[in-house]
Amino acid sequence: MGLAPEDAFSVLPESLRDDLLSAFNEIVGNYREHRWEPSELNGGKLCEAVFTVVVGWLDGGIYPKRAKKPARFGQACWELERKYARVPDSRSPRILIPRMMIGLYDIRNNRGVGHAGAEVDPNHMDATVVLYTAKWLVAELVRLLHTLPIDEAAAIVEALIERDTPWVWTQGNKKRLLRTDLTWKQQTVVLLLTEPGAVSEEDLFGWLEHPRLSSLRSDVLKPLHEARQIDYDAGARAVTLLPPGVAAAERLVGATP
C-alpha cells in the first residue's frame, strides 16, 4: 500500500509541518489566481521551512518545532555540503535541495519581488519557476523522508495541494455542487478536484445525484477514463482524478459562473 498524502510529513512536528504546507499552498493558490507578486514572496517562506526540514534530517531526525531562517540564507545553503559531508546518502539534502533553494530565494530577493522601483517586475514566468521549484522541493522532501520513487513522491505532492472550490458545498462526507449549468462530466471532475485521492463510485454517484448508476458508468466515467481525465477502476469501483482532469477542473473553477 502506498503512502497516504496525510502521512507525507507525519515525522515532523505539527507546527513545522504547518509552516511547510501553508507556504506551499499559498504559492499554488496565488499562482492559480494570477497573483504573481505574493506567489513569489511565499517562495522565501517555503525555502525557510524546507531548509529547517533538511537540517533536521541531516542532524539525524531532530526537527525544530517551527521554521527558522538562517542569517545569510545563500551562504548557509552552501555550507550544508561541507558541514554534513560525512552523512551517508545525503547528496540531495546537502547539495541538490540547497542549490534549488538558493535559486528560488534569489528570485524572491532580486527579481523585483517586494521591492518598489526594482529592475524586474513580478511576472508570470518568474512565478512559474517558483511554482515548479516549490513542487520539486516538496516532492524531494517526501522522497527523502520515506525513500520513495520520484513519481510516487510527485503524485503525493499533487494530492497535498489544497484546491478551494467555493461552489462545492461540503458537510461531512456529503458534497453538493451549487452550480446547475455544468455537464455531468464537468461536475464529475470538479467534485473529484475537492478530494486528494481516489473516490468511491458510490460516493460520487451520491454527490452528483445522477439518475442511473449504469448511465453514469457508460456516459460519464468511461469516456472521462478514455480521455485520460480520470482513472476509473471498474473492479475496485473507484475514481481518481488525473493531471489532465485536474487542469480541466481548475479551468472550470477559475471561470466566472
Protein backbone atom coordinates (compact mmCIF):
# COMPACT_ATOMS: atom_id res chain seq x y z
CA MET A 1 0.00 0.00 0.00
CA GLY A 2 1.35 3.43 -0.94
CA LEU A 3 1.93 6.34 1.39
CA ALA A 4 -1.21 8.34 2.18
CA PRO A 5 -0.81 12.09 1.48
CA GLU A 6 -1.79 12.97 5.05
CA ASP A 7 1.18 10.90 6.30
CA ALA A 8 3.75 12.52 3.99
CA PHE A 9 5.17 14.74 6.75
CA SER A 10 3.94 12.88 9.83
CA VAL A 11 7.51 12.64 11.19
CA LEU A 12 7.70 16.43 11.53
CA PRO A 13 6.38 18.48 14.48
CA GLU A 14 2.87 19.66 13.65
CA SER A 15 3.79 23.36 13.67
CA LEU A 16 6.76 22.82 11.33
CA ARG A 17 4.57 20.72 9.03
CA ASP A 18 2.02 23.55 9.00
CA ASP A 19 4.74 26.10 8.16
CA LEU A 20 5.85 23.99 5.20
CA LEU A 21 2.43 23.13 3.77
CA SER A 22 0.87 26.55 4.31
CA ALA A 23 3.76 28.24 2.43
CA PHE A 24 3.48 25.66 -0.35
CA ASN A 25 -0.27 26.00 -0.72
CA GLU A 26 -0.05 29.81 -0.69
CA ILE A 27 2.29 29.59 -3.69
CA VAL A 28 -0.10 27.27 -5.53
CA GLY A 29 -3.18 29.34 -4.66
CA ASN A 30 -1.64 32.68 -5.61
CA TYR A 31 -0.33 31.26 -8.88
CA ARG A 32 -3.78 29.92 -9.75
CA GLU A 33 -5.24 33.39 -9.10
CA HIS A 34 -2.50 35.11 -11.20
CA ARG A 35 -1.23 36.94 -8.13
CA TRP A 36 2.40 36.81 -9.22
CA GLU A 37 3.95 39.00 -6.53
CA PRO A 38 2.64 37.21 -3.40
CA SER A 39 3.32 33.89 -5.15
CA GLU A 40 7.00 34.78 -5.37
CA LEU A 41 7.18 36.27 -1.88
CA ASN A 42 5.95 32.99 -0.41
CA GLY A 43 8.80 31.21 -2.19
CA GLY A 44 11.01 32.67 0.52
CA LYS A 45 8.78 31.31 3.27
CA LEU A 46 8.86 27.87 1.69
CA CYS A 47 12.65 27.93 1.46
CA GLU A 48 12.93 28.67 5.17
CA ALA A 49 10.67 25.72 6.01
CA VAL A 50 12.49 23.38 3.61
CA PHE A 51 15.88 24.47 4.99
CA THR A 52 14.69 23.68 8.53
CA VAL A 53 13.49 20.19 7.50
CA VAL A 54 16.73 19.46 5.62
CA VAL A 55 18.93 20.44 8.57
CA GLY A 56 16.76 18.33 10.88
CA TRP A 57 17.16 15.33 8.59
CA LEU A 58 20.94 15.81 8.38
CA ASP A 59 21.06 16.08 12.18
CA GLY A 60 19.57 12.61 12.49
CA GLY A 61 15.88 13.42 12.51
CA ILE A 62 15.91 16.15 15.16
CA TYR A 63 13.42 18.73 13.89
CA PRO A 64 12.67 22.15 15.44
CA LYS A 65 9.05 22.99 16.13
CA ARG A 66 8.98 25.93 13.71
CA ALA A 67 10.74 27.00 10.52
CA LYS A 68 13.88 29.06 11.15
CA LYS A 69 15.63 31.45 8.77
CA PRO A 70 19.45 31.46 8.89
CA ALA A 71 21.18 34.86 8.94
CA ARG A 72 22.75 34.51 5.47
CA PHE A 73 20.47 32.16 3.62
CA GLY A 74 22.57 31.55 0.50
CA GLN A 75 25.79 31.05 2.46
CA ALA A 76 24.01 28.74 4.90
CA CYS A 77 22.82 26.59 1.99
CA TRP A 78 26.33 26.30 0.53
CA GLU A 79 27.75 25.37 3.94
CA LEU A 80 25.50 22.31 4.21
CA GLU A 81 27.63 20.49 1.61
CA ARG A 82 30.79 20.75 3.71
CA LYS A 83 29.29 20.60 7.19
CA TYR A 84 27.45 17.33 6.63
CA ALA A 85 29.88 15.71 4.20
CA ARG A 86 30.12 12.56 6.34
CA VAL A 87 26.36 11.91 6.45
CA PRO A 88 25.70 8.86 4.23
CA ASP A 89 23.28 9.05 1.26
CA SER A 90 22.96 12.79 1.71
CA ARG A 91 23.69 14.21 -1.74
CA SER A 92 20.14 15.51 -2.18
CA PRO A 93 19.75 17.29 1.21
CA ARG A 94 23.38 18.56 1.21
CA ILE A 95 23.71 19.64 -2.42
CA LEU A 96 20.67 19.35 -4.69
CA ILE A 97 17.96 20.78 -2.42
CA PRO A 98 20.14 23.66 -1.11
CA ARG A 99 21.12 24.73 -4.65
CA MET A 100 17.49 24.75 -5.75
CA MET A 101 16.60 26.81 -2.67
CA ILE A 102 19.32 29.36 -3.47
CA GLY A 103 17.77 29.97 -6.89
CA LEU A 104 14.27 30.21 -5.50
CA TYR A 105 15.30 32.56 -2.71
CA ASP A 106 17.20 34.74 -5.20
CA ILE A 107 14.00 35.24 -7.22
CA ARG A 108 12.32 36.38 -4.01
CA ASN A 109 15.09 38.89 -3.25
CA ASN A 110 16.43 40.08 -6.58
CA ARG A 111 13.75 39.85 -9.27
CA GLY A 112 11.66 42.82 -8.25
CA VAL A 113 9.53 40.93 -5.76
CA GLY A 114 8.68 43.08 -2.77
CA HIS A 115 10.92 45.97 -3.87
CA ALA A 116 9.43 49.22 -5.13
CA GLY A 117 11.19 50.50 -8.25
CA ALA A 118 13.05 47.22 -8.75
CA GLU A 119 14.62 46.40 -12.09
CA VAL A 120 12.34 43.45 -12.89
CA ASP A 121 8.57 43.46 -12.33
CA PRO A 122 6.82 40.40 -10.88
CA ASN A 123 5.66 38.31 -13.82
CA HIS A 124 4.14 35.06 -14.93
CA MET A 125 7.45 33.50 -15.98
CA ASP A 126 9.13 34.06 -12.62
CA ALA A 127 6.05 32.84 -10.76
CA THR A 128 6.03 29.67 -12.87
CA VAL A 129 9.64 29.00 -11.88
CA VAL A 130 8.64 29.50 -8.24
CA LEU A 131 5.67 27.11 -8.56
CA TYR A 132 7.52 24.21 -10.13
CA THR A 133 10.62 24.64 -8.00
CA ALA A 134 8.33 24.55 -4.95
CA LYS A 135 6.71 21.33 -6.19
CA TRP A 136 10.14 19.79 -6.78
CA LEU A 137 11.37 20.75 -3.31
CA VAL A 138 8.33 19.36 -1.52
CA ALA A 139 8.42 16.16 -3.59
CA GLU A 140 12.11 15.75 -2.81
CA LEU A 141 11.37 16.09 0.91
CA VAL A 142 8.67 13.41 0.64
CA ARG A 143 11.10 11.15 -1.22
CA LEU A 144 13.82 11.82 1.34
CA LEU A 145 11.65 11.18 4.39
CA HIS A 146 10.08 7.99 3.04
CA THR A 147 12.57 6.61 0.47
CA LEU A 148 10.00 6.70 -2.33
CA PRO A 149 10.38 6.69 -6.12
CA ILE A 150 10.28 10.17 -7.65
CA ASP A 151 6.97 9.62 -9.48
CA GLU A 152 5.20 8.46 -6.31
CA ALA A 153 6.56 11.43 -4.35
CA ALA A 154 5.36 13.81 -7.09
CA ALA A 155 1.88 12.26 -7.01
CA ILE A 156 1.71 12.76 -3.24
CA VAL A 157 2.65 16.43 -3.65
CA GLU A 158 -0.23 16.93 -6.10
CA ALA A 159 -2.56 15.34 -3.55
CA LEU A 160 -1.31 17.74 -0.85
CA ILE A 161 -2.39 20.78 -2.86
CA GLU A 162 -5.41 22.48 -1.32
CA ARG A 163 -7.95 23.24 -4.02
CA ASP A 164 -10.58 25.70 -2.94
CA THR A 165 -13.83 25.30 -4.87
CA PRO A 166 -16.26 27.88 -3.45
CA TRP A 167 -19.29 26.48 -5.23
CA VAL A 168 -18.91 22.95 -3.84
CA TRP A 169 -20.79 22.63 -0.56
CA THR A 170 -19.37 20.03 1.84
CA GLN A 171 -20.75 18.64 5.08
CA GLY A 172 -19.04 15.58 6.46
CA ASN A 173 -18.89 13.05 3.62
CA LYS A 174 -21.67 14.78 1.71
CA LYS A 175 -21.00 17.16 -1.17
CA ARG A 176 -23.29 19.25 -3.33
CA LEU A 177 -22.39 21.21 -6.45
CA LEU A 178 -24.06 24.63 -6.26
CA ARG A 179 -23.88 25.37 -9.99
CA THR A 180 -26.55 23.98 -12.28
CA ASP A 181 -25.04 24.87 -15.66
CA LEU A 182 -22.36 22.15 -15.88
CA THR A 183 -22.48 18.84 -17.72
CA TRP A 184 -22.22 15.56 -15.82
CA LYS A 185 -18.60 15.23 -16.92
CA GLN A 186 -17.76 18.75 -15.77
CA GLN A 187 -19.48 18.18 -12.44
CA THR A 188 -17.54 14.95 -12.01
CA VAL A 189 -14.06 16.46 -12.45
CA VAL A 190 -14.92 19.44 -10.23
CA LEU A 191 -16.16 17.21 -7.42
CA LEU A 192 -13.10 14.97 -7.74
CA LEU A 193 -10.90 18.08 -7.51
CA THR A 194 -12.02 18.51 -3.90
CA GLU A 195 -10.59 15.13 -2.87
CA PRO A 196 -6.86 14.29 -2.57
CA GLY A 197 -7.15 10.66 -3.67
CA ALA A 198 -9.49 8.03 -5.03
CA VAL A 199 -13.24 8.44 -4.54
CA SER A 200 -15.61 5.51 -4.38
CA GLU A 201 -18.07 5.19 -7.22
CA GLU A 202 -20.86 5.08 -4.65
CA ASP A 203 -19.86 8.41 -3.08
CA LEU A 204 -19.52 10.11 -6.45
CA PHE A 205 -22.91 8.81 -7.57
CA GLY A 206 -24.47 10.26 -4.41
CA TRP A 207 -22.73 13.63 -4.75
CA LEU A 208 -23.82 14.00 -8.36
CA GLU A 209 -27.39 12.83 -7.69
CA HIS A 210 -27.17 11.15 -11.06
CA PRO A 211 -30.42 9.34 -12.04
CA ARG A 212 -28.83 5.99 -13.03
CA LEU A 213 -25.58 4.35 -11.97
CA SER A 214 -25.33 2.37 -15.22
CA SER A 215 -25.60 5.58 -17.23
CA LEU A 216 -23.03 7.30 -15.03
CA ARG A 217 -20.59 4.49 -15.78
CA SER A 218 -21.20 4.34 -19.54
CA ASP A 219 -21.77 8.01 -20.35
CA VAL A 220 -19.53 9.79 -17.86
CA LEU A 221 -16.87 7.67 -16.18
CA LYS A 222 -15.78 5.54 -19.12
CA PRO A 223 -15.48 8.48 -21.56
CA LEU A 224 -13.52 10.50 -18.96
CA HIS A 225 -11.30 7.46 -18.41
CA GLU A 226 -10.70 7.13 -22.15
CA ALA A 227 -9.89 10.86 -22.32
CA ARG A 228 -7.31 10.31 -19.52
CA GLN A 229 -9.01 12.87 -17.28
CA ILE A 230 -9.79 10.23 -14.67
CA ASP A 231 -8.72 6.71 -13.80
CA TYR A 232 -11.83 4.58 -13.39
CA ASP A 233 -11.06 1.29 -11.68
CA ALA A 234 -14.17 -0.74 -12.52
CA GLY A 235 -13.05 -3.64 -10.32
CA ALA A 236 -12.48 -1.54 -7.21
CA ARG A 237 -15.33 0.84 -8.16
CA ALA A 238 -13.02 3.79 -7.51
CA VAL A 239 -12.38 7.01 -9.42
CA THR A 240 -9.20 9.11 -9.33
CA LEU A 241 -8.65 12.48 -10.99
CA LEU A 242 -5.63 12.50 -13.33
CA PRO A 243 -3.48 15.57 -14.17
CA PRO A 244 -5.42 16.42 -17.38
CA GLY A 245 -8.62 16.24 -15.34
CA VAL A 246 -7.10 18.49 -12.67
CA ALA A 247 -6.30 21.06 -15.36
CA ALA A 248 -9.82 20.83 -16.81
CA ALA A 249 -11.44 21.19 -13.38
CA GLU A 250 -9.25 24.12 -12.40
CA ARG A 251 -10.19 25.93 -15.60
CA LEU A 252 -13.84 25.47 -14.67
CA VAL A 253 -13.26 26.61 -11.09
CA GLY A 254 -11.39 29.67 -12.31
CA ALA A 255 -14.13 30.64 -14.78
CA THR A 256 -16.87 33.07 -13.77
CA PRO A 257 -20.20 31.25 -13.29
